[in-house]
N, C-alpha and C. Protein backbone atom coordinates (compact mmCIF):
# COMPACT_ATOMS: atom_id res chain seq x y z
N MET A 1 4.73 -8.87 9.10
CA MET A 1 3.43 -8.25 8.97
C MET A 1 2.54 -8.78 10.09
N SER A 2 1.86 -7.87 10.74
CA SER A 2 1.00 -8.28 11.84
C SER A 2 -0.26 -8.97 11.31
N SER A 3 -0.90 -9.74 12.17
CA SER A 3 -2.11 -10.45 11.75
C SER A 3 -3.24 -9.48 11.46
N ALA A 4 -3.26 -8.32 12.12
CA ALA A 4 -4.28 -7.31 11.84
C ALA A 4 -4.13 -6.78 10.42
N VAL A 5 -2.90 -6.58 9.99
CA VAL A 5 -2.64 -6.11 8.63
C VAL A 5 -2.94 -7.22 7.63
N ALA A 6 -2.62 -8.45 7.96
CA ALA A 6 -2.89 -9.57 7.07
C ALA A 6 -4.38 -9.72 6.76
N ASP A 7 -5.24 -9.22 7.64
CA ASP A 7 -6.68 -9.27 7.40
C ASP A 7 -7.09 -8.41 6.21
N TYR A 8 -6.27 -7.43 5.85
CA TYR A 8 -6.58 -6.54 4.73
C TYR A 8 -6.03 -7.04 3.40
N ILE A 9 -5.04 -7.89 3.44
CA ILE A 9 -4.29 -8.24 2.23
C ILE A 9 -4.69 -9.60 1.68
N ALA A 10 -5.02 -9.62 0.39
CA ALA A 10 -5.34 -10.88 -0.29
C ALA A 10 -4.06 -11.55 -0.77
N ARG A 11 -3.16 -10.77 -1.40
CA ARG A 11 -1.89 -11.32 -1.87
C ARG A 11 -0.91 -10.19 -2.19
N ILE A 12 0.35 -10.58 -2.29
CA ILE A 12 1.41 -9.65 -2.67
C ILE A 12 2.10 -10.24 -3.89
N GLU A 13 2.22 -9.41 -4.94
CA GLU A 13 2.80 -9.86 -6.20
C GLU A 13 4.06 -9.07 -6.48
N GLY A 14 4.97 -9.66 -7.23
CA GLY A 14 6.20 -8.97 -7.60
C GLY A 14 7.32 -9.38 -6.68
N THR A 15 8.52 -8.94 -7.04
CA THR A 15 9.68 -9.28 -6.24
C THR A 15 10.29 -8.02 -5.66
N CYS A 16 10.95 -8.16 -4.57
CA CYS A 16 11.63 -7.03 -3.94
C CYS A 16 12.96 -6.82 -4.65
N GLY A 17 13.34 -5.60 -4.81
CA GLY A 17 14.60 -5.26 -5.45
C GLY A 17 14.66 -3.78 -5.69
N ALA A 18 15.79 -3.31 -6.13
CA ALA A 18 16.01 -1.86 -6.26
C ALA A 18 15.06 -1.22 -7.27
N GLU A 19 14.79 -1.88 -8.36
CA GLU A 19 13.99 -1.26 -9.42
C GLU A 19 12.63 -1.92 -9.64
N SER A 20 12.24 -2.83 -8.79
CA SER A 20 10.99 -3.53 -9.04
C SER A 20 9.84 -2.94 -8.23
N ASP A 21 8.67 -3.03 -8.81
CA ASP A 21 7.46 -2.60 -8.13
C ASP A 21 6.84 -3.80 -7.43
N ILE A 22 6.19 -3.52 -6.31
CA ILE A 22 5.49 -4.56 -5.57
C ILE A 22 4.02 -4.21 -5.57
N ILE A 23 3.18 -5.16 -5.95
CA ILE A 23 1.74 -4.94 -5.99
C ILE A 23 1.11 -5.67 -4.81
N VAL A 24 0.43 -4.90 -3.97
CA VAL A 24 -0.30 -5.45 -2.84
C VAL A 24 -1.78 -5.41 -3.22
N VAL A 25 -2.41 -6.57 -3.24
CA VAL A 25 -3.82 -6.66 -3.58
C VAL A 25 -4.61 -6.82 -2.28
N LEU A 26 -5.51 -5.89 -2.06
CA LEU A 26 -6.32 -5.90 -0.84
C LEU A 26 -7.55 -6.78 -1.01
N LYS A 27 -8.06 -7.28 0.09
CA LYS A 27 -9.32 -8.01 0.07
C LYS A 27 -10.42 -7.03 -0.32
N PHE A 28 -11.31 -7.47 -1.18
CA PHE A 28 -12.33 -6.58 -1.74
C PHE A 28 -13.17 -5.92 -0.66
N ASP A 29 -13.57 -6.67 0.34
CA ASP A 29 -14.45 -6.12 1.38
C ASP A 29 -13.72 -5.22 2.38
N LYS A 30 -12.39 -5.15 2.31
CA LYS A 30 -11.60 -4.34 3.24
C LYS A 30 -10.94 -3.14 2.58
N LYS A 31 -11.06 -3.00 1.26
CA LYS A 31 -10.31 -1.96 0.55
C LYS A 31 -10.70 -0.55 0.97
N ASP A 32 -11.97 -0.31 1.24
CA ASP A 32 -12.39 1.04 1.65
C ASP A 32 -11.86 1.39 3.04
N GLN A 33 -11.87 0.43 3.94
CA GLN A 33 -11.30 0.65 5.28
C GLN A 33 -9.80 0.89 5.18
N ALA A 34 -9.14 0.15 4.32
CA ALA A 34 -7.70 0.30 4.14
C ALA A 34 -7.37 1.68 3.59
N LEU A 35 -8.14 2.14 2.61
CA LEU A 35 -7.90 3.47 2.04
C LEU A 35 -8.06 4.55 3.11
N GLU A 36 -9.06 4.42 3.92
CA GLU A 36 -9.30 5.39 5.00
C GLU A 36 -8.09 5.46 5.94
N LYS A 37 -7.57 4.31 6.33
CA LYS A 37 -6.41 4.28 7.23
C LYS A 37 -5.16 4.82 6.56
N ILE A 38 -4.96 4.45 5.31
CA ILE A 38 -3.78 4.90 4.58
C ILE A 38 -3.79 6.41 4.40
N LEU A 39 -4.95 6.98 4.09
CA LEU A 39 -5.04 8.43 3.92
C LEU A 39 -4.73 9.18 5.22
N LYS A 40 -5.00 8.56 6.36
CA LYS A 40 -4.68 9.19 7.64
C LYS A 40 -3.18 9.15 7.93
N ASN A 41 -2.48 8.12 7.44
CA ASN A 41 -1.09 7.90 7.79
C ASN A 41 -0.08 8.32 6.73
N ALA A 42 -0.51 8.50 5.51
CA ALA A 42 0.40 8.86 4.41
C ALA A 42 0.10 10.28 3.93
N THR A 43 0.97 10.79 3.10
CA THR A 43 0.79 12.13 2.53
C THR A 43 0.24 12.00 1.11
N LEU A 44 -0.90 12.61 0.87
CA LEU A 44 -1.52 12.58 -0.45
C LEU A 44 -0.83 13.60 -1.35
N LYS A 45 -0.28 13.14 -2.47
CA LYS A 45 0.39 14.02 -3.43
C LYS A 45 -0.55 14.43 -4.56
N ASN A 46 -1.39 13.51 -5.00
CA ASN A 46 -2.29 13.77 -6.12
C ASN A 46 -3.43 12.77 -6.06
N LYS A 47 -4.60 13.21 -6.52
CA LYS A 47 -5.76 12.33 -6.57
C LYS A 47 -6.43 12.53 -7.92
N ILE A 48 -6.73 11.44 -8.58
CA ILE A 48 -7.36 11.50 -9.89
C ILE A 48 -8.75 10.87 -9.78
N ALA A 49 -9.76 11.72 -9.74
CA ALA A 49 -11.17 11.32 -9.79
C ALA A 49 -11.55 10.23 -8.79
N ASP A 50 -11.01 10.27 -7.60
CA ASP A 50 -11.30 9.27 -6.57
C ASP A 50 -11.02 7.83 -7.03
N ILE A 51 -10.17 7.70 -8.03
CA ILE A 51 -9.83 6.37 -8.55
C ILE A 51 -8.37 6.03 -8.28
N ILE A 52 -7.49 7.02 -8.43
CA ILE A 52 -6.06 6.81 -8.24
C ILE A 52 -5.55 7.83 -7.23
N TYR A 53 -4.82 7.35 -6.24
CA TYR A 53 -4.24 8.21 -5.22
C TYR A 53 -2.72 8.04 -5.25
N ASP A 54 -1.99 9.12 -5.51
CA ASP A 54 -0.53 9.11 -5.41
C ASP A 54 -0.17 9.55 -4.01
N LEU A 55 0.56 8.70 -3.30
CA LEU A 55 0.86 8.94 -1.89
C LEU A 55 2.34 8.74 -1.60
N THR A 56 2.77 9.30 -0.48
CA THR A 56 4.10 9.02 0.02
C THR A 56 4.00 8.70 1.51
N TYR A 57 4.91 7.86 1.93
CA TYR A 57 5.05 7.55 3.35
C TYR A 57 6.54 7.46 3.62
N GLU A 58 7.02 8.30 4.53
CA GLU A 58 8.45 8.44 4.77
C GLU A 58 9.11 8.76 3.44
N LYS A 59 10.05 7.98 2.98
CA LYS A 59 10.71 8.27 1.69
C LYS A 59 10.17 7.42 0.54
N TYR A 60 9.11 6.68 0.78
CA TYR A 60 8.58 5.75 -0.22
C TYR A 60 7.33 6.31 -0.88
N SER A 61 7.26 6.15 -2.20
CA SER A 61 6.07 6.58 -2.92
C SER A 61 5.29 5.35 -3.36
N PHE A 62 4.00 5.52 -3.42
CA PHE A 62 3.15 4.42 -3.86
C PHE A 62 1.85 4.97 -4.42
N ARG A 63 1.14 4.12 -5.11
CA ARG A 63 -0.12 4.50 -5.75
C ARG A 63 -1.20 3.53 -5.29
N PHE A 64 -2.31 4.09 -4.80
CA PHE A 64 -3.45 3.29 -4.36
C PHE A 64 -4.53 3.43 -5.43
N TYR A 65 -5.04 2.31 -5.92
CA TYR A 65 -6.11 2.30 -6.91
C TYR A 65 -7.42 1.91 -6.22
N ALA A 66 -8.50 2.52 -6.63
CA ALA A 66 -9.81 2.25 -6.02
C ALA A 66 -10.21 0.79 -6.18
N SER A 67 -9.60 0.07 -7.10
CA SER A 67 -9.89 -1.35 -7.29
C SER A 67 -9.35 -2.20 -6.13
N GLY A 68 -8.47 -1.60 -5.31
CA GLY A 68 -7.92 -2.33 -4.18
C GLY A 68 -6.48 -2.76 -4.37
N LYS A 69 -5.80 -2.20 -5.36
CA LYS A 69 -4.39 -2.52 -5.57
C LYS A 69 -3.54 -1.35 -5.10
N ILE A 70 -2.41 -1.68 -4.51
CA ILE A 70 -1.44 -0.67 -4.11
C ILE A 70 -0.12 -1.05 -4.76
N ILE A 71 0.48 -0.11 -5.48
CA ILE A 71 1.76 -0.37 -6.13
C ILE A 71 2.83 0.45 -5.42
N PHE A 72 3.78 -0.25 -4.81
CA PHE A 72 4.90 0.38 -4.12
C PHE A 72 6.10 0.39 -5.04
N ARG A 73 6.85 1.49 -5.03
CA ARG A 73 8.05 1.62 -5.86
C ARG A 73 9.29 1.70 -4.96
N GLY A 74 10.35 1.04 -5.37
CA GLY A 74 11.63 1.19 -4.71
C GLY A 74 11.77 0.51 -3.36
N ILE A 75 10.96 -0.47 -3.08
CA ILE A 75 11.09 -1.22 -1.82
C ILE A 75 12.16 -2.29 -2.03
N LYS A 76 13.15 -2.30 -1.17
CA LYS A 76 14.30 -3.19 -1.38
C LYS A 76 14.15 -4.57 -0.77
N ASN A 77 13.33 -4.71 0.27
CA ASN A 77 13.16 -6.04 0.85
C ASN A 77 11.80 -6.18 1.52
N LYS A 78 11.45 -7.40 1.82
CA LYS A 78 10.13 -7.71 2.35
C LYS A 78 9.93 -7.14 3.77
N GLN A 79 11.00 -7.05 4.54
CA GLN A 79 10.88 -6.51 5.89
C GLN A 79 10.44 -5.04 5.85
N ILE A 80 11.01 -4.28 4.92
CA ILE A 80 10.63 -2.87 4.77
C ILE A 80 9.17 -2.78 4.35
N LEU A 81 8.76 -3.60 3.38
CA LEU A 81 7.37 -3.61 2.93
C LEU A 81 6.43 -3.92 4.09
N ASN A 82 6.75 -4.93 4.87
CA ASN A 82 5.90 -5.31 6.00
C ASN A 82 5.82 -4.20 7.04
N GLN A 83 6.93 -3.54 7.29
CA GLN A 83 6.95 -2.43 8.24
C GLN A 83 6.07 -1.27 7.75
N ILE A 84 6.18 -0.96 6.47
CA ILE A 84 5.36 0.12 5.89
C ILE A 84 3.88 -0.24 5.98
N LEU A 85 3.54 -1.47 5.61
CA LEU A 85 2.14 -1.89 5.67
C LEU A 85 1.61 -1.85 7.10
N ASP A 86 2.41 -2.28 8.05
CA ASP A 86 2.00 -2.21 9.47
C ASP A 86 1.72 -0.77 9.85
N ASN A 87 2.61 0.15 9.49
CA ASN A 87 2.44 1.55 9.88
C ASN A 87 1.26 2.21 9.17
N LEU A 88 0.99 1.81 7.95
CA LEU A 88 -0.11 2.42 7.20
C LEU A 88 -1.48 1.88 7.61
N LEU A 89 -1.55 0.61 7.96
CA LEU A 89 -2.84 -0.03 8.16
C LEU A 89 -3.24 -0.26 9.62
N LEU A 90 -2.40 0.11 10.56
CA LEU A 90 -2.78 -0.05 11.96
C LEU A 90 -3.30 1.24 12.55
């Protein structure tokens, strides 16, 4: 993960694996900027009242919450997660 992307992220929770979800918690003061960048780089599938955004990037689906949490599904390793975050947030 690049240092520019690390400026947006407070912490990453969960473990990588075939069936596990990974929760990326954004820094509170950066979450709006992050959402703006992610919406430019990902495909919006569904939006619920500007609170929950269902998105896809390449073959990965994830959900962005207005609270600043992003839940990724089906990420198999940390390198893939870091690559996705770099592509979404740069």
